[in-house]
Amino acid sequence: MKGQVVKVISEKFFVKAGEETIPCSQRGKLKNAKTLPLVGDFVLFNKEKKVIEEILPRKNMLVRPNVANLTQAFIITSFKNPDFSTNLLDKLLVQLEINHIKPIICLTKRDLITDKEFLQYKSIIEYYKKIGYVVVYNKELTKIKKILENNVTVFTGQTGAGKSTLLNKLFNDLNLKTAEISYALGRGRHTTRHIEIIEKENIRVLDTPGFSALSFLDYDKINVRDAFLEFASYKCPFKDCMHDKENECLVKKAVLDKKIPESRYLNYLSLIHEIEQNKRW
């Protein structure tokens, strides 16, 4: 029987088939192969034995959070508590681009910064829009709902950025648990303990546990380069230019000419150097 994994708690996989959701375990051979069903996976399962027998081919997947078969992702990014981080934002954008998942940047906690502070972020926000990313604010609920329609969307981002809070505002009857920032630690407390597909009318969203760091050690630096979409507009003299140490690099010139924000370029260098460093080991 075919179904979709809609929730994972510990080693229990909740598979939805039609209107019924059945808690299942995974078959021994899947355990032996270290193949773990993810939320979003389509599977073949034995309804009577409540056992997943096969994971069907995935359209795409993310490792952190562990989800599969998405069409888009909302990157929940707060201005403060936790502070706005272009480094983390660019890491998430690259991760999604590599996995062919459409990113939407959703900004939260605008009320926690002054207008003067907001001006410091405005140019970088406008830059993301310019290179093709959709940017919304968490107060724009009608606009967000429209973007969510007829999609399978993961809500991801740093712990404490406001994922569950936004979902509660979008859907009044969810009552997802939220928590305040831990000021002693400087980061949010984890409130989402598991991953689950939430279905409301023609909207399907996944709330996921947040995180405070993201490793890029499993990625290839050429794929990372190509995921910085604007770089393709600059035709460097060398076709395989990595926009790092090469002379006559047009991307580096664009950074000097302030056509590309220095912060974004430095985030790019940080990623490819992280990958290079890992390969030396």
Protein backbone atom coordinates (compact mmCIF):
# COMPACT_ATOMS: atom_id res chain seq x y z
CA MET A 1 0.00 0.00 0.00
CA LYS A 2 1.28 3.51 -0.84
CA GLY A 3 1.30 6.39 1.62
CA GLN A 4 3.29 9.42 2.76
CA VAL A 5 5.22 9.91 5.98
CA VAL A 6 3.62 12.95 7.63
CA LYS A 7 5.24 12.81 11.07
CA VAL A 8 8.25 11.20 12.73
CA ILE A 9 8.57 10.84 16.51
CA SER A 10 11.55 8.85 17.77
CA GLU A 11 11.47 5.62 15.71
CA LYS A 12 7.75 5.80 14.92
CA PHE A 13 6.75 6.88 11.40
CA PHE A 14 3.19 8.12 10.88
CA VAL A 15 2.07 7.23 7.34
CA LYS A 16 -0.99 8.84 5.77
CA ALA A 17 -2.96 6.88 3.17
CA GLY A 18 -6.23 8.48 2.12
CA GLU A 19 -7.90 9.88 5.22
CA GLU A 20 -6.16 7.47 7.61
CA THR A 21 -2.81 7.91 9.40
CA ILE A 22 -1.09 4.74 10.59
CA PRO A 23 1.87 4.66 13.04
CA CYS A 24 4.51 2.36 11.50
CA SER A 25 7.95 1.00 12.18
CA GLN A 26 10.52 0.45 9.44
CA ARG A 27 11.40 -2.91 7.98
CA GLY A 28 14.65 -4.51 9.16
CA LYS A 29 16.42 -4.21 5.80
CA LEU A 30 15.88 -0.44 5.84
CA LYS A 31 17.49 -0.26 9.27
CA ASN A 32 20.38 -2.38 8.08
CA ALA A 33 20.91 -0.13 5.07
CA LYS A 34 20.77 2.88 7.38
CA THR A 35 18.00 4.30 5.20
CA LEU A 36 15.72 6.33 7.40
CA PRO A 37 12.28 7.42 6.16
CA LEU A 38 11.88 11.19 6.28
CA VAL A 39 8.81 13.35 6.70
CA GLY A 40 7.54 13.90 3.16
CA ASP A 41 8.72 10.51 1.87
CA PHE A 42 6.31 8.45 -0.21
CA VAL A 43 6.53 4.84 0.92
CA LEU A 44 5.12 1.39 0.37
CA PHE A 45 3.91 -0.12 3.64
CA ASN A 46 2.03 -3.08 5.05
CA LYS A 47 -1.08 -1.69 6.71
CA GLU A 48 -1.84 -4.83 8.73
CA LYS A 49 1.71 -5.25 10.06
CA LYS A 50 2.22 -1.45 10.27
CA VAL A 51 5.65 -1.73 8.67
CA ILE A 52 7.28 0.48 6.02
CA GLU A 53 8.72 -1.82 3.35
CA GLU A 54 10.14 0.58 0.76
CA ILE A 55 10.97 4.27 0.38
CA LEU A 56 10.02 5.52 -3.08
CA PRO A 57 12.42 7.77 -5.07
CA ARG A 58 12.66 11.32 -3.70
CA LYS A 59 12.19 14.50 -5.71
CA ASN A 60 14.59 16.23 -3.31
CA MET A 61 15.63 16.21 0.33
CA LEU A 62 17.26 18.26 3.03
CA VAL A 63 19.57 16.91 5.70
CA ARG A 64 18.94 19.58 8.28
CA PRO A 65 16.00 19.62 8.75
CA ASN A 66 15.46 16.02 7.62
CA VAL A 67 12.61 16.33 5.12
CA ALA A 68 11.87 15.22 1.55
CA ASN A 69 9.76 16.03 -1.53
CA LEU A 70 9.36 19.79 -1.03
CA THR A 71 8.41 22.48 -3.51
CA GLN A 72 9.55 25.51 -1.48
CA ALA A 73 11.00 26.66 1.83
CA PHE A 74 10.35 29.68 4.02
CA ILE A 75 13.60 30.83 5.62
CA ILE A 76 12.42 32.50 8.83
CA THR A 77 14.96 35.25 9.56
CA SER A 78 14.66 37.56 12.56
CA PHE A 79 16.15 41.03 12.85
CA LYS A 80 16.89 40.54 16.53
CA ASN A 81 16.90 37.80 19.19
CA PRO A 82 18.48 36.02 17.37
CA ASP A 83 20.25 38.73 15.39
CA PHE A 84 20.03 38.96 11.61
CA SER A 85 22.79 36.84 10.03
CA THR A 86 23.59 37.07 6.33
CA ASN A 87 26.00 34.16 6.81
CA LEU A 88 23.28 31.77 7.95
CA LEU A 89 20.82 33.17 5.41
CA ASP A 90 23.24 32.61 2.53
CA LYS A 91 24.02 29.09 3.76
CA LEU A 92 20.33 28.24 3.71
CA LEU A 93 19.78 29.84 0.31
CA VAL A 94 22.66 27.82 -1.15
CA GLN A 95 21.43 24.61 0.45
CA LEU A 96 17.99 25.12 -1.08
CA GLU A 97 19.32 26.09 -4.51
CA ILE A 98 21.50 22.97 -4.65
CA ASN A 99 18.48 20.82 -3.78
CA HIS A 100 16.17 22.58 -6.28
CA ILE A 101 13.82 23.94 -3.63
CA LYS A 102 12.46 27.45 -4.10
CA PRO A 103 13.46 29.75 -1.19
CA ILE A 104 11.28 32.49 0.27
CA ILE A 105 12.90 34.84 2.79
CA CYS A 106 10.51 35.71 5.63
CA LEU A 107 11.64 38.49 7.98
CA THR A 108 10.43 38.60 11.59
CA LYS A 109 10.70 40.80 14.69
CA ARG A 110 10.84 44.11 12.80
CA ASP A 111 9.27 45.69 15.89
CA LEU A 112 12.40 44.91 17.95
CA ILE A 113 14.65 47.27 15.97
CA THR A 114 14.47 51.03 15.40
CA ASP A 115 13.92 52.66 12.02
CA LYS A 116 17.58 53.70 12.08
CA GLU A 117 18.67 50.10 12.66
CA PHE A 118 16.33 48.92 9.89
CA LEU A 119 18.08 51.20 7.39
CA GLN A 120 21.28 49.22 8.01
CA TYR A 121 19.52 46.10 6.71
CA LYS A 122 17.40 47.66 3.98
CA SER A 123 20.05 47.67 1.23
CA ILE A 124 20.91 43.99 1.72
CA ILE A 125 17.20 43.07 1.74
CA GLU A 126 16.69 44.98 -1.51
CA TYR A 127 19.69 43.18 -2.99
CA TYR A 128 18.14 39.76 -2.32
CA LYS A 129 14.98 40.96 -4.07
CA LYS A 130 17.04 42.27 -7.00
CA ILE A 131 18.70 38.90 -7.65
CA GLY A 132 15.33 37.17 -7.71
CA TYR A 133 14.37 36.10 -4.19
CA VAL A 134 10.89 36.64 -2.79
CA VAL A 135 11.04 38.55 0.51
CA VAL A 136 8.05 38.88 2.85
CA TYR A 137 7.47 40.11 6.38
CA ASN A 138 5.72 37.93 8.95
CA LYS A 139 2.91 40.48 9.33
CA GLU A 140 1.89 39.99 5.67
CA LEU A 141 -0.33 37.00 6.46
CA THR A 142 -2.59 37.23 3.40
CA LYS A 143 0.41 37.41 1.07
CA ILE A 144 2.11 34.49 2.85
CA LYS A 145 -1.01 32.31 2.62
CA LYS A 146 -1.19 32.97 -1.12
CA ILE A 147 2.43 31.84 -1.54
CA LEU A 148 1.73 28.70 0.52
CA GLU A 149 -1.26 27.58 -1.56
CA ASN A 150 -0.80 24.38 -3.57
CA ASN A 151 2.76 23.87 -2.31
CA VAL A 152 4.60 21.63 0.14
CA THR A 153 6.55 24.13 2.23
CA VAL A 154 9.11 23.68 4.97
CA PHE A 155 9.51 26.42 7.57
CA THR A 156 13.17 26.53 8.56
CA GLY A 157 15.61 28.95 10.15
CA GLN A 158 17.50 29.70 13.30
CA THR A 159 16.14 28.63 16.66
CA GLY A 160 13.94 31.36 18.13
CA ALA A 161 13.39 33.22 14.84
CA GLY A 162 9.63 32.74 15.05
CA LYS A 163 8.62 29.75 12.92
CA SER A 164 5.99 28.32 15.25
CA THR A 165 4.73 31.81 16.15
CA LEU A 166 4.11 32.56 12.47
CA LEU A 167 2.35 29.23 11.91
CA ASN A 168 0.08 29.95 14.88
CA LYS A 169 -0.85 33.32 13.32
CA LEU A 170 -1.53 31.74 9.94
CA PHE A 171 -3.68 28.97 11.42
CA ASN A 172 -5.48 29.99 14.62
CA ASP A 173 -6.28 26.46 15.78
CA LEU A 174 -2.73 25.04 15.70
CA ASN A 175 -1.58 26.19 19.14
CA LEU A 176 2.03 25.19 18.50
CA LYS A 177 4.28 25.63 21.50
CA THR A 178 6.50 28.73 21.48
CA ALA A 179 9.10 30.04 23.92
CA GLU A 180 11.05 33.17 24.64
CA ILE A 181 14.70 33.68 23.76
CA SER A 182 17.25 32.54 26.33
CA TYR A 183 19.12 35.79 26.85
CA ALA A 184 21.86 34.09 28.88
CA LEU A 185 22.69 31.86 25.91
CA GLY A 186 21.85 34.41 23.22
CA ARG A 187 19.65 32.00 21.28
CA GLY A 188 16.16 30.62 21.20
CA ARG A 189 14.95 27.57 23.06
CA HIS A 190 13.88 24.65 20.89
CA THR A 191 10.07 24.46 20.96
CA THR A 192 9.39 22.16 17.99
CA ARG A 193 10.43 18.66 19.08
CA HIS A 194 9.58 16.77 15.93
CA ILE A 195 8.88 17.33 12.22
CA GLU A 196 5.31 17.10 10.98
CA ILE A 197 3.32 18.00 7.86
CA ILE A 198 0.49 20.33 8.83
CA GLU A 199 -2.45 20.30 6.39
CA LYS A 200 -5.00 23.12 6.17
CA GLU A 201 -7.26 23.24 3.12
CA ASN A 202 -4.90 23.44 0.10
CA ILE A 203 -1.85 24.35 2.21
CA ARG A 204 0.76 21.85 3.42
CA VAL A 205 3.55 23.12 5.65
CA LEU A 206 6.25 21.53 7.80
CA ASP A 207 7.32 23.00 11.12
CA THR A 208 10.82 21.86 12.07
CA PRO A 209 13.17 22.17 15.04
CA GLY A 210 15.41 25.21 14.67
CA PHE A 211 19.18 25.24 14.79
CA SER A 212 22.03 27.56 15.62
CA ALA A 213 24.65 26.25 13.17
CA LEU A 214 24.76 24.60 9.76
CA SER A 215 27.59 22.52 8.33
CA PHE A 216 28.45 22.58 4.62
CA LEU A 217 31.09 19.87 4.61
CA ASP A 218 29.10 17.51 2.35
CA TYR A 219 28.75 20.00 -0.53
CA ASP A 220 30.92 20.49 -3.61
CA LYS A 221 32.39 23.97 -3.96
CA ILE A 222 31.43 24.22 -7.66
CA ASN A 223 27.78 23.59 -6.76
CA VAL A 224 28.08 26.22 -4.03
CA ARG A 225 29.54 28.70 -6.52
CA ASP A 226 26.70 28.09 -8.97
CA ALA A 227 24.11 28.50 -6.19
CA PHE A 228 25.15 32.16 -5.83
CA LEU A 229 22.78 33.05 -8.65
CA GLU A 230 24.11 36.52 -9.47
CA PHE A 231 27.62 35.21 -10.22
CA ALA A 232 26.35 33.81 -13.53
CA SER A 233 25.82 37.38 -14.78
CA TYR A 234 29.58 38.02 -14.69
CA LYS A 235 31.43 36.32 -17.54
CA CYS A 236 34.94 35.92 -16.17
CA PRO A 237 37.84 35.31 -18.63
CA PHE A 238 38.24 31.80 -17.22
CA LYS A 239 35.17 29.56 -17.58
CA ASP A 240 36.01 27.61 -14.42
CA CYS A 241 36.71 30.74 -12.33
CA MET A 242 35.98 30.17 -8.64
CA HIS A 243 35.96 33.94 -7.95
CA ASP A 244 38.59 33.54 -5.26
CA LYS A 245 42.28 33.91 -6.12
CA GLU A 246 41.94 34.32 -9.91
CA ASN A 247 43.12 37.47 -11.64
CA GLU A 248 40.73 39.49 -13.81
CA CYS A 249 37.73 37.97 -11.98
CA LEU A 250 34.64 40.03 -12.79
CA VAL A 251 32.82 38.92 -9.63
CA LYS A 252 35.62 40.33 -7.46
CA LYS A 253 35.47 43.53 -9.51
CA ALA A 254 31.71 43.71 -8.95
CA VAL A 255 32.33 43.48 -5.20
CA LEU A 256 34.83 46.36 -5.39
CA ASP A 257 32.31 48.33 -7.46
CA LYS A 258 29.67 47.60 -4.78
CA LYS A 259 27.43 45.81 -7.27
CA ILE A 260 27.63 42.71 -5.05
CA PRO A 261 27.51 43.26 -1.26
CA GLU A 262 30.84 42.48 0.37
CA SER A 263 29.03 40.49 3.09
CA ARG A 264 27.57 38.10 0.52
CA TYR A 265 30.91 37.62 -1.23
CA LEU A 266 32.67 36.96 2.10
CA ASN A 267 29.97 34.43 2.97
CA TYR A 268 30.70 32.71 -0.35
CA LEU A 269 34.44 32.58 0.35
CA SER A 270 33.76 31.23 3.83
CA LEU A 271 31.72 28.37 2.38
CA ILE A 272 34.19 27.28 -0.30
CA HIS A 273 37.13 27.57 2.11
CA GLU A 274 35.23 25.45 4.64
CA ILE A 275 34.82 22.77 1.97
CA GLU A 276 38.48 22.99 0.93
CA GLN A 277 39.62 22.70 4.54
CA ASN A 278 37.49 19.61 5.08
CA LYS A 279 38.96 17.91 1.98
CA ARG A 280 42.48 18.40 3.34
CA TRP A 281 41.52 16.16 6.24
